[in-house]
Amino acid sequence: MAFPTAVNDQITDSVTQANVKVLGDAPAMSMGNLFQATSQALANAAHNATTAQQQTAITAQAATTMGVTTLYSIDTASTGVATKEILGS
């Protein structure tokens, strides 16, 4: 039985029980919030890593294309010079 007051004992007991339930739920709620925040952070990290990989692949492809183009143009230039010397222009 609760302390004697002007309020009905059933009311004070129900308020006390409600407060106990709120306090009992607090650790579970805080852990749920922590897990949700951690999951969101890990998902963002994975998404950022995927985006970085995609951008790196595009950059590498562009660099490779430019390298191959340069190699082909050097060959073409040297062939043009040799042809010019052979033809004697």
PDB file of N, CA and C in Angstrom:
ATOM      1  N   MET A   1       0.849  -1.187   0.000  1.00  0.00           N
ATOM      2  CA  MET A   1       0.000   0.000   0.000  1.00  0.00           C
ATOM      3  C   MET A   1       0.890   1.244   0.000  1.00  0.00           C
ATOM      4  N   ALA A   2       0.460   2.237  -0.776  1.00  0.00           N
ATOM      5  CA  ALA A   2       1.212   3.486  -0.889  1.00  0.00           C
ATOM      6  C   ALA A   2       1.040   4.328   0.364  1.00  0.00           C
ATOM      7  N   PHE A   3       1.803   5.430   0.412  1.00  0.00           N
ATOM      8  CA  PHE A   3       1.683   6.336   1.564  1.00  0.00           C
ATOM      9  C   PHE A   3       0.267   6.898   1.624  1.00  0.00           C
ATOM     10  N   PRO A   4      -0.281   7.075   2.830  1.00  0.00           N
ATOM     11  CA  PRO A   4      -1.651   7.610   2.929  1.00  0.00           C
ATOM     12  C   PRO A   4      -1.715   9.059   2.436  1.00  0.00           C
ATOM     13  N   THR A   5      -2.557   9.291   1.457  1.00  0.00           N
ATOM     14  CA  THR A   5      -2.760  10.635   0.900  1.00  0.00           C
ATOM     15  C   THR A   5      -4.243  10.861   0.703  1.00  0.00           C
ATOM     16  N   ALA A   6      -4.568  12.051   0.211  1.00  0.00           N
ATOM     17  CA  ALA A   6      -5.963  12.360  -0.083  1.00  0.00           C
ATOM     18  C   ALA A   6      -6.404  11.704  -1.387  1.00  0.00           C
ATOM     19  N   VAL A   7      -5.444  11.157  -2.160  1.00  0.00           N
ATOM     20  CA  VAL A   7      -5.771  10.517  -3.425  1.00  0.00           C
ATOM     21  C   VAL A   7      -6.007   9.033  -3.170  1.00  0.00           C
ATOM     22  N   ASN A   8      -6.905   8.469  -3.931  1.00  0.00           N
ATOM     23  CA  ASN A   8      -7.220   7.052  -3.823  1.00  0.00           C
ATOM     24  C   ASN A   8      -5.955   6.219  -4.029  1.00  0.00           C
ATOM     25  N   ASP A   9      -5.762   5.190  -3.220  1.00  0.00           N
ATOM     26  CA  ASP A   9      -4.566   4.340  -3.319  1.00  0.00           C
ATOM     27  C   ASP A   9      -4.451   3.675  -4.685  1.00  0.00           C
ATOM     28  N   GLN A  10      -5.564   3.351  -5.312  1.00  0.00           N
ATOM     29  CA  GLN A  10      -5.511   2.726  -6.642  1.00  0.00           C
ATOM     30  C   GLN A  10      -4.917   3.679  -7.673  1.00  0.00           C
ATOM     31  N   ILE A  11      -5.219   4.961  -7.532  1.00  0.00           N
ATOM     32  CA  ILE A  11      -4.663   5.954  -8.466  1.00  0.00           C
ATOM     33  C   ILE A  11      -3.161   6.053  -8.283  1.00  0.00           C
ATOM     34  N   THR A  12      -2.703   6.206  -7.064  1.00  0.00           N
ATOM     35  CA  THR A  12      -1.255   6.329  -6.836  1.00  0.00           C
ATOM     36  C   THR A  12      -0.528   5.066  -7.258  1.00  0.00           C
ATOM     37  N   ASP A  13      -1.137   3.894  -7.014  1.00  0.00           N
ATOM     38  CA  ASP A  13      -0.499   2.645  -7.445  1.00  0.00           C
ATOM     39  C   ASP A  13      -0.405   2.575  -8.967  1.00  0.00           C
ATOM     40  N   SER A  14      -1.455   2.992  -9.680  1.00  0.00           N
ATOM     41  CA  SER A  14      -1.422   2.917 -11.145  1.00  0.00           C
ATOM     42  C   SER A  14      -0.378   3.891 -11.712  1.00  0.00           C
ATOM     43  N   VAL A  15      -0.268   5.087 -11.118  1.00  0.00           N
ATOM     44  CA  VAL A  15       0.739   6.043 -11.575  1.00  0.00           C
ATOM     45  C   VAL A  15       2.139   5.490 -11.319  1.00  0.00           C
ATOM     46  N   THR A  16       2.325   4.887 -10.148  1.00  0.00           N
ATOM     47  CA  THR A  16       3.621   4.299  -9.817  1.00  0.00           C
ATOM     48  C   THR A  16       3.979   3.192 -10.804  1.00  0.00           C
ATOM     49  N   GLN A  17       3.012   2.330 -11.128  1.00  0.00           N
ATOM     50  CA  GLN A  17       3.266   1.237 -12.072  1.00  0.00           C
ATOM     51  C   GLN A  17       3.576   1.771 -13.462  1.00  0.00           C
ATOM     52  N   ALA A  18       2.876   2.834 -13.879  1.00  0.00           N
ATOM     53  CA  ALA A  18       3.147   3.433 -15.194  1.00  0.00           C
ATOM     54  C   ALA A  18       4.567   3.981 -15.242  1.00  0.00           C
ATOM     55  N   ASN A  19       4.980   4.639 -14.162  1.00  0.00           N
ATOM     56  CA  ASN A  19       6.346   5.172 -14.114  1.00  0.00           C
ATOM     57  C   ASN A  19       7.379   4.053 -14.151  1.00  0.00           C
ATOM     58  N   VAL A  20       7.103   2.960 -13.461  1.00  0.00           N
ATOM     59  CA  VAL A  20       8.024   1.814 -13.470  1.00  0.00           C
ATOM     60  C   VAL A  20       8.135   1.237 -14.874  1.00  0.00           C
ATOM     61  N   LYS A  21       7.002   1.171 -15.588  1.00  0.00           N
ATOM     62  CA  LYS A  21       7.049   0.650 -16.965  1.00  0.00           C
ATOM     63  C   LYS A  21       7.879   1.557 -17.865  1.00  0.00           C
ATOM     64  N   VAL A  22       7.701   2.873 -17.724  1.00  0.00           N
ATOM     65  CA  VAL A  22       8.488   3.807 -18.531  1.00  0.00           C
ATOM     66  C   VAL A  22       9.980   3.627 -18.237  1.00  0.00           C
ATOM     67  N   LEU A  23      10.331   3.544 -16.970  1.00  0.00           N
ATOM     68  CA  LEU A  23      11.734   3.355 -16.603  1.00  0.00           C
ATOM     69  C   LEU A  23      12.253   2.005 -17.085  1.00  0.00           C
ATOM     70  N   GLY A  24      11.404   0.995 -17.064  1.00  0.00           N
ATOM     71  CA  GLY A  24      11.824  -0.334 -17.523  1.00  0.00           C
ATOM     72  C   GLY A  24      12.035  -0.385 -19.026  1.00  0.00           C
ATOM     73  N   ASP A  25      11.265   0.425 -19.776  1.00  0.00           N
ATOM     74  CA  ASP A  25      11.392   0.432 -21.236  1.00  0.00           C
ATOM     75  C   ASP A  25      12.565   1.280 -21.715  1.00  0.00           C
ATOM     76  N   ALA A  26      13.052   2.184 -20.882  1.00  0.00           N
ATOM     77  CA  ALA A  26      14.086   3.131 -21.314  1.00  0.00           C
ATOM     78  C   ALA A  26      15.356   2.450 -21.846  1.00  0.00           C
ATOM     79  N   PRO A  27      15.910   1.434 -21.172  1.00  0.00           N
ATOM     80  CA  PRO A  27      17.131   0.816 -21.727  1.00  0.00           C
ATOM     81  C   PRO A  27      16.904   0.173 -23.090  1.00  0.00           C
ATOM     82  N   ALA A  28      15.760  -0.481 -23.255  1.00  0.00           N
ATOM     83  CA  ALA A  28      15.476  -1.114 -24.545  1.00  0.00           C
ATOM     84  C   ALA A  28      15.318  -0.061 -25.638  1.00  0.00           C
ATOM     85  N   MET A  29      14.670   1.035 -25.314  1.00  0.00           N
ATOM     86  CA  MET A  29      14.496   2.102 -26.300  1.00  0.00           C
ATOM     87  C   MET A  29      15.846   2.728 -26.666  1.00  0.00           C
ATOM     88  N   SER A  30      16.682   2.956 -25.681  1.00  0.00           N
ATOM     89  CA  SER A  30      17.976   3.583 -25.979  1.00  0.00           C
ATOM     90  C   SER A  30      18.855   2.643 -26.807  1.00  0.00           C
ATOM     91  N   MET A  31      18.807   1.353 -26.525  1.00  0.00           N
ATOM     92  CA  MET A  31      19.591   0.410 -27.335  1.00  0.00           C
ATOM     93  C   MET A  31      19.037   0.337 -28.754  1.00  0.00           C
ATOM     94  N   GLY A  32      17.712   0.384 -28.875  1.00  0.00           N
ATOM     95  CA  GLY A  32      17.113   0.397 -30.214  1.00  0.00           C
ATOM     96  C   GLY A  32      17.553   1.613 -31.006  1.00  0.00           C
ATOM     97  N   ASN A  33      17.582   2.772 -30.354  1.00  0.00           N
ATOM     98  CA  ASN A  33      18.040   3.990 -31.030  1.00  0.00           C
ATOM     99  C   ASN A  33      19.507   3.878 -31.426  1.00  0.00           C
ATOM    100  N   LEU A  34      20.319   3.299 -30.539  1.00  0.00           N
ATOM    101  CA  LEU A  34      21.738   3.115 -30.855  1.00  0.00           C
ATOM    102  C   LEU A  34      21.924   2.192 -32.054  1.00  0.00           C
ATOM    103  N   PHE A  35      21.189   1.074 -32.071  1.00  0.00           N
ATOM    104  CA  PHE A  35      21.305   0.128 -33.190  1.00  0.00           C
ATOM    105  C   PHE A  35      20.859   0.775 -34.499  1.00  0.00           C
ATOM    106  N   GLN A  36      19.794   1.556 -34.434  1.00  0.00           N
ATOM    107  CA  GLN A  36      19.297   2.215 -35.647  1.00  0.00           C
ATOM    108  C   GLN A  36      20.321   3.218 -36.172  1.00  0.00           C
ATOM    109  N   ALA A  37      20.899   3.999 -35.278  1.00  0.00           N
ATOM    110  CA  ALA A  37      21.903   4.985 -35.704  1.00  0.00           C
ATOM    111  C   ALA A  37      23.146   4.295 -36.265  1.00  0.00           C
ATOM    112  N   THR A  38      23.562   3.216 -35.629  1.00  0.00           N
ATOM    113  CA  THR A  38      24.731   2.470 -36.114  1.00  0.00           C
ATOM    114  C   THR A  38      24.458   1.865 -37.486  1.00  0.00           C
ATOM    115  N   SER A  39      23.275   1.305 -37.659  1.00  0.00           N
ATOM    116  CA  SER A  39      22.909   0.724 -38.958  1.00  0.00           C
ATOM    117  C   SER A  39      22.904   1.785 -40.044  1.00  0.00           C
ATOM    118  N   GLN A  40      22.372   2.944 -39.729  1.00  0.00           N
ATOM    119  CA  GLN A  40      22.342   4.032 -40.716  1.00  0.00           C
ATOM    120  C   GLN A  40      23.757   4.465 -41.088  1.00  0.00           C
ATOM    121  N   ALA A  41      24.621   4.581 -40.088  1.00  0.00           N
ATOM    122  CA  ALA A  41      26.000   4.995 -40.365  1.00  0.00           C
ATOM    123  C   ALA A  41      26.723   3.961 -41.226  1.00  0.00           C
ATOM    124  N   LEU A  42      26.535   2.680 -40.923  1.00  0.00           N
ATOM    125  CA  LEU A  42      27.187   1.637 -41.717  1.00  0.00           C
ATOM    126  C   LEU A  42      26.639   1.591 -43.143  1.00  0.00           C
ATOM    127  N   ALA A  43      25.339   1.806 -43.285  1.00  0.00           N
ATOM    128  CA  ALA A  43      24.748   1.831 -44.628  1.00  0.00           C
ATOM    129  C   ALA A  43      25.308   2.992 -45.434  1.00  0.00           C
ATOM    130  N   ASN A  44      25.449   4.155 -44.797  1.00  0.00           N
ATOM    131  CA  ASN A  44      26.035   5.308 -45.493  1.00  0.00           C
ATOM    132  C   ASN A  44      27.482   5.036 -45.890  1.00  0.00           C
ATOM    133  N   ALA A  45      28.230   4.384 -45.006  1.00  0.00           N
ATOM    134  CA  ALA A  45      29.624   4.064 -45.324  1.00  0.00           C
ATOM    135  C   ALA A  45      29.708   3.111 -46.513  1.00  0.00           C
ATOM    136  N   ALA A  46      28.844   2.115 -46.538  1.00  0.00           N
ATOM    137  CA  ALA A  46      28.840   1.158 -47.656  1.00  0.00           C
ATOM    138  C   ALA A  46      28.449   1.856 -48.953  1.00  0.00           C
ATOM    139  N   HIS A  47      27.477   2.727 -48.882  1.00  0.00           N
ATOM    140  CA  HIS A  47      27.064   3.453 -50.083  1.00  0.00           C
ATOM    141  C   HIS A  47      28.176   4.363 -50.590  1.00  0.00           C
ATOM    142  N   ASN A  48      28.846   5.043 -49.674  1.00  0.00           N
ATOM    143  CA  ASN A  48      29.957   5.910 -50.073  1.00  0.00           C
ATOM    144  C   ASN A  48      31.097   5.109 -50.693  1.00  0.00           C
ATOM    145  N   ALA A  49      31.364   3.931 -50.143  1.00  0.00           N
ATOM    146  CA  ALA A  49      32.432   3.088 -50.701  1.00  0.00           C
ATOM    147  C   ALA A  49      32.077   2.632 -52.111  1.00  0.00           C
ATOM    148  N   THR A  50      30.819   2.262 -52.309  1.00  0.00           N
ATOM    149  CA  THR A  50      30.377   1.835 -53.637  1.00  0.00           C
ATOM    150  C   THR A  50      30.489   2.977 -54.640  1.00  0.00           C
ATOM    151  N   THR A  51      30.073   4.159 -54.241  1.00  0.00           N
ATOM    152  CA  THR A  51      30.160   5.323 -55.130  1.00  0.00           C
ATOM    153  C   THR A  51      31.617   5.638 -55.458  1.00  0.00           C
ATOM    154  N   ALA A  52      32.486   5.538 -54.476  1.00  0.00           N
ATOM    155  CA  ALA A  52      33.912   5.804 -54.716  1.00  0.00           C
ATOM    156  C   ALA A  52      34.494   4.788 -55.697  1.00  0.00           C
ATOM    157  N   GLN A  53      34.104   3.522 -55.547  1.00  0.00           N
ATOM    158  CA  GLN A  53      34.582   2.502 -56.483  1.00  0.00           C
ATOM    159  C   GLN A  53      34.112   2.799 -57.905  1.00  0.00           C
ATOM    160  N   GLN A  54      32.859   3.200 -58.041  1.00  0.00           N
ATOM    161  CA  GLN A  54      32.339   3.507 -59.371  1.00  0.00           C
ATOM    162  C   GLN A  54      33.087   4.677 -59.997  1.00  0.00           C
ATOM    163  N   GLN A  55      33.315   5.713 -59.213  1.00  0.00           N
ATOM    164  CA  GLN A  55      34.014   6.891 -59.739  1.00  0.00           C
ATOM    165  C   GLN A  55      35.460   6.550 -60.095  1.00  0.00           C
ATOM    166  N   THR A  56      36.092   5.714 -59.285  1.00  0.00           N
ATOM    167  CA  THR A  56      37.470   5.302 -59.579  1.00  0.00           C
ATOM    168  C   THR A  56      37.526   4.482 -60.857  1.00  0.00           C
ATOM    169  N   ALA A  57      36.544   3.614 -61.062  1.00  0.00           N
ATOM    170  CA  ALA A  57      36.519   2.800 -62.283  1.00  0.00           C
ATOM    171  C   ALA A  57      36.359   3.686 -63.514  1.00  0.00           C
ATOM    172  N   ILE A  58      35.506   4.691 -63.417  1.00  0.00           N
ATOM    173  CA  ILE A  58      35.321   5.602 -64.554  1.00  0.00           C
ATOM    174  C   ILE A  58      36.608   6.360 -64.843  1.00  0.00           C
ATOM    175  N   THR A  59      37.266   6.844 -63.792  1.00  0.00           N
ATOM    176  CA  THR A  59      38.524   7.575 -63.972  1.00  0.00           C
ATOM    177  C   THR A  59      39.601   6.678 -64.573  1.00  0.00           C
ATOM    178  N   ALA A  60      39.678   5.440 -64.089  1.00  0.00           N
ATOM    179  CA  ALA A  60      40.671   4.502 -64.623  1.00  0.00           C
ATOM    180  C   ALA A  60      40.397   4.188 -66.093  1.00  0.00           C
ATOM    181  N   GLN A  61      39.132   4.046 -66.435  1.00  0.00           N
ATOM    182  CA  GLN A  61      38.788   3.777 -67.833  1.00  0.00           C
ATOM    183  C   GLN A  61      39.173   4.957 -68.721  1.00  0.00           C
ATOM    184  N   ALA A  62      38.928   6.167 -68.250  1.00  0.00           N
ATOM    185  CA  ALA A  62      39.292   7.352 -69.030  1.00  0.00           C
ATOM    186  C   ALA A  62      40.804   7.451 -69.191  1.00  0.00           C
ATOM    187  N   ALA A  63      41.535   7.156 -68.112  1.00  0.00           N
ATOM    188  CA  ALA A  63      42.998   7.215 -68.194  1.00  0.00           C
ATOM    189  C   ALA A  63      43.532   6.158 -69.153  1.00  0.00           C
ATOM    190  N   THR A  64      42.964   4.977 -69.110  1.00  0.00           N
ATOM    191  CA  THR A  64      43.393   3.909 -70.021  1.00  0.00           C
ATOM    192  C   THR A  64      43.115   4.289 -71.471  1.00  0.00           C
ATOM    193  N   THR A  65      41.940   4.845 -71.708  1.00  0.00           N
ATOM    194  CA  THR A  65      41.588   5.265 -73.065  1.00  0.00           C
ATOM    195  C   THR A  65      42.554   6.318 -73.574  1.00  0.00           C
ATOM    196  N   MET A  66      42.883   7.280 -72.726  1.00  0.00           N
ATOM    197  CA  MET A  66      43.826   8.319 -73.139  1.00  0.00           C
ATOM    198  C   MET A  66      45.219   7.735 -73.384  1.00  0.00           C
ATOM    199  N   GLY A  67      45.626   6.781 -72.544  1.00  0.00           N
ATOM    200  CA  GLY A  67      46.930   6.156 -72.738  1.00  0.00           C
ATOM    201  C   GLY A  67      47.011   5.404 -74.051  1.00  0.00           C
ATOM    202  N   VAL A  68      45.976   4.638 -74.347  1.00  0.00           N
ATOM    203  CA  VAL A  68      45.961   3.878 -75.608  1.00  0.00           C
ATOM    204  C   VAL A  68      45.927   4.831 -76.797  1.00  0.00           C
ATOM    205  N   THR A  69      45.129   5.877 -76.681  1.00  0.00           N
ATOM    206  CA  THR A  69      45.062   6.861 -77.761  1.00  0.00           C
ATOM    207  C   THR A  69      46.429   7.506 -77.997  1.00  0.00           C
ATOM    208  N   THR A  70      47.114   7.813 -76.917  1.00  0.00           N
ATOM    209  CA  THR A  70      48.453   8.408 -77.040  1.00  0.00           C
ATOM    210  C   THR A  70      49.416   7.443 -77.720  1.00  0.00           C
ATOM    211  N   LEU A  71      49.353   6.173 -77.318  1.00  0.00           N
ATOM    212  CA  LEU A  71      50.237   5.186 -77.945  1.00  0.00           C
ATOM    213  C   LEU A  71      49.973   5.068 -79.437  1.00  0.00           C
ATOM    214  N   TYR A  72      48.697   5.027 -79.793  1.00  0.00           N
ATOM    215  CA  TYR A  72      48.362   4.938 -81.218  1.00  0.00           C
ATOM    216  C   TYR A  72      48.781   6.195 -81.971  1.00  0.00           C
ATOM    217  N   SER A  73      48.637   7.356 -81.355  1.00  0.00           N
ATOM    218  CA  SER A  73      48.987   8.595 -82.053  1.00  0.00           C
ATOM    219  C   SER A  73      50.495   8.716 -82.227  1.00  0.00           C
ATOM    220  N   ILE A  74      51.276   8.225 -81.258  1.00  0.00           N
ATOM    221  CA  ILE A  74      52.733   8.241 -81.406  1.00  0.00           C
ATOM    222  C   ILE A  74      53.145   7.359 -82.584  1.00  0.00           C
ATOM    223  N   ASP A  75      52.525   6.187 -82.696  1.00  0.00           N
ATOM    224  CA  ASP A  75      52.834   5.283 -83.807  1.00  0.00           C
ATOM    225  C   ASP A  75      52.469   5.933 -85.133  1.00  0.00           C
ATOM    226  N   THR A  76      51.329   6.574 -85.179  1.00  0.00           N
ATOM    227  CA  THR A  76      50.885   7.230 -86.408  1.00  0.00           C
ATOM    228  C   THR A  76      51.817   8.385 -86.772  1.00  0.00           C
ATOM    229  N   ALA A  77      52.228   9.138 -85.768  1.00  0.00           N
ATOM    230  CA  ALA A  77      53.124  10.268 -86.049  1.00  0.00           C
ATOM    231  C   ALA A  77      54.460   9.783 -86.586  1.00  0.00           C
ATOM    232  N   SER A  78      55.018   8.756 -85.982  1.00  0.00           N
ATOM    233  CA  SER A  78      56.312   8.257 -86.462  1.00  0.00           C
ATOM    234  C   SER A  78      56.174   7.665 -87.861  1.00  0.00           C
ATOM    235  N   THR A  79      55.084   7.023 -88.135  1.00  0.00           N
ATOM    236  CA  THR A  79      54.864   6.484 -89.487  1.00  0.00           C
ATOM    237  C   THR A  79      54.755   7.617 -90.501  1.00  0.00           C
ATOM    238  N   GLY A  80      54.074   8.684 -90.111  1.00  0.00           N
ATOM    239  CA  GLY A  80      53.947   9.834 -91.016  1.00  0.00           C
ATOM    240  C   GLY A  80      55.287  10.468 -91.308  1.00  0.00           C
ATOM    241  N   VAL A  81      56.143  10.593 -90.286  1.00  0.00           N
ATOM    242  CA  VAL A  81      57.473  11.176 -90.486  1.00  0.00           C
ATOM    243  C   VAL A  81      58.308  10.283 -91.397  1.00  0.00           C
ATOM    244  N   ALA A  82      58.268   8.974 -91.168  1.00  0.00           N
ATOM    245  CA  ALA A  82      59.043   8.043 -91.999  1.00  0.00           C
ATOM    246  C   ALA A  82      58.554   8.086 -93.445  1.00  0.00           C
ATOM    247  N   THR A  83      57.262   8.147 -93.635  1.00  0.00           N
ATOM    248  CA  THR A  83      56.702   8.208 -94.995  1.00  0.00           C
ATOM    249  C   THR A  83      57.132   9.497 -95.691  1.00  0.00           C
ATOM    250  N   LYS A  84      57.155  10.586 -94.942  1.00  0.00           N
ATOM    251  CA  LYS A  84      57.583  11.870 -95.518  1.00  0.00           C
ATOM    252  C   LYS A  84      59.027  11.812 -95.970  1.00  0.00           C
ATOM    253  N   GLU A  85      59.856  11.171 -95.153  1.00  0.00           N
ATOM    254  CA  GLU A  85      61.287  11.069 -95.519  1.00  0.00           C
ATOM    255  C   GLU A  85      61.479  10.150 -96.743  1.00  0.00           C
ATOM    256  N   ILE A  86      60.672   9.093 -96.795  1.00  0.00           N
ATOM    257  CA  ILE A  86      60.807   8.161 -97.929  1.00  0.00           C
ATOM    258  C   ILE A  86      60.372   8.835 -99.224  1.00  0.00           C
ATOM    259  N   LEU A  87      59.271   9.573 -99.158  1.00  0.00           N
ATOM    260  CA  LEU A  87      58.778  10.230-100.349  1.00  0.00           C
ATOM    261  C   LEU A  87      59.597  11.462-100.724  1.00  0.00           C
ATOM    262  N   GLY A  88      60.394  11.940 -99.743  1.00  0.00           N
ATOM    263  CA  GLY A  88      61.298  13.044-100.022  1.00  0.00           C
ATOM    264  C   GLY A  88      60.598  14.381-100.177  1.00  0.00           C
ATOM    265  N   SER A  89      59.478  14.580 -99.505  1.00  0.00           N
ATOM    266  CA  SER A  89      58.777  15.864 -99.659  1.00  0.00           C
ATOM    267  C   SER A  89      59.423  16.923 -98.811  1.00  0.00           C
TER     268      SER A  89
END
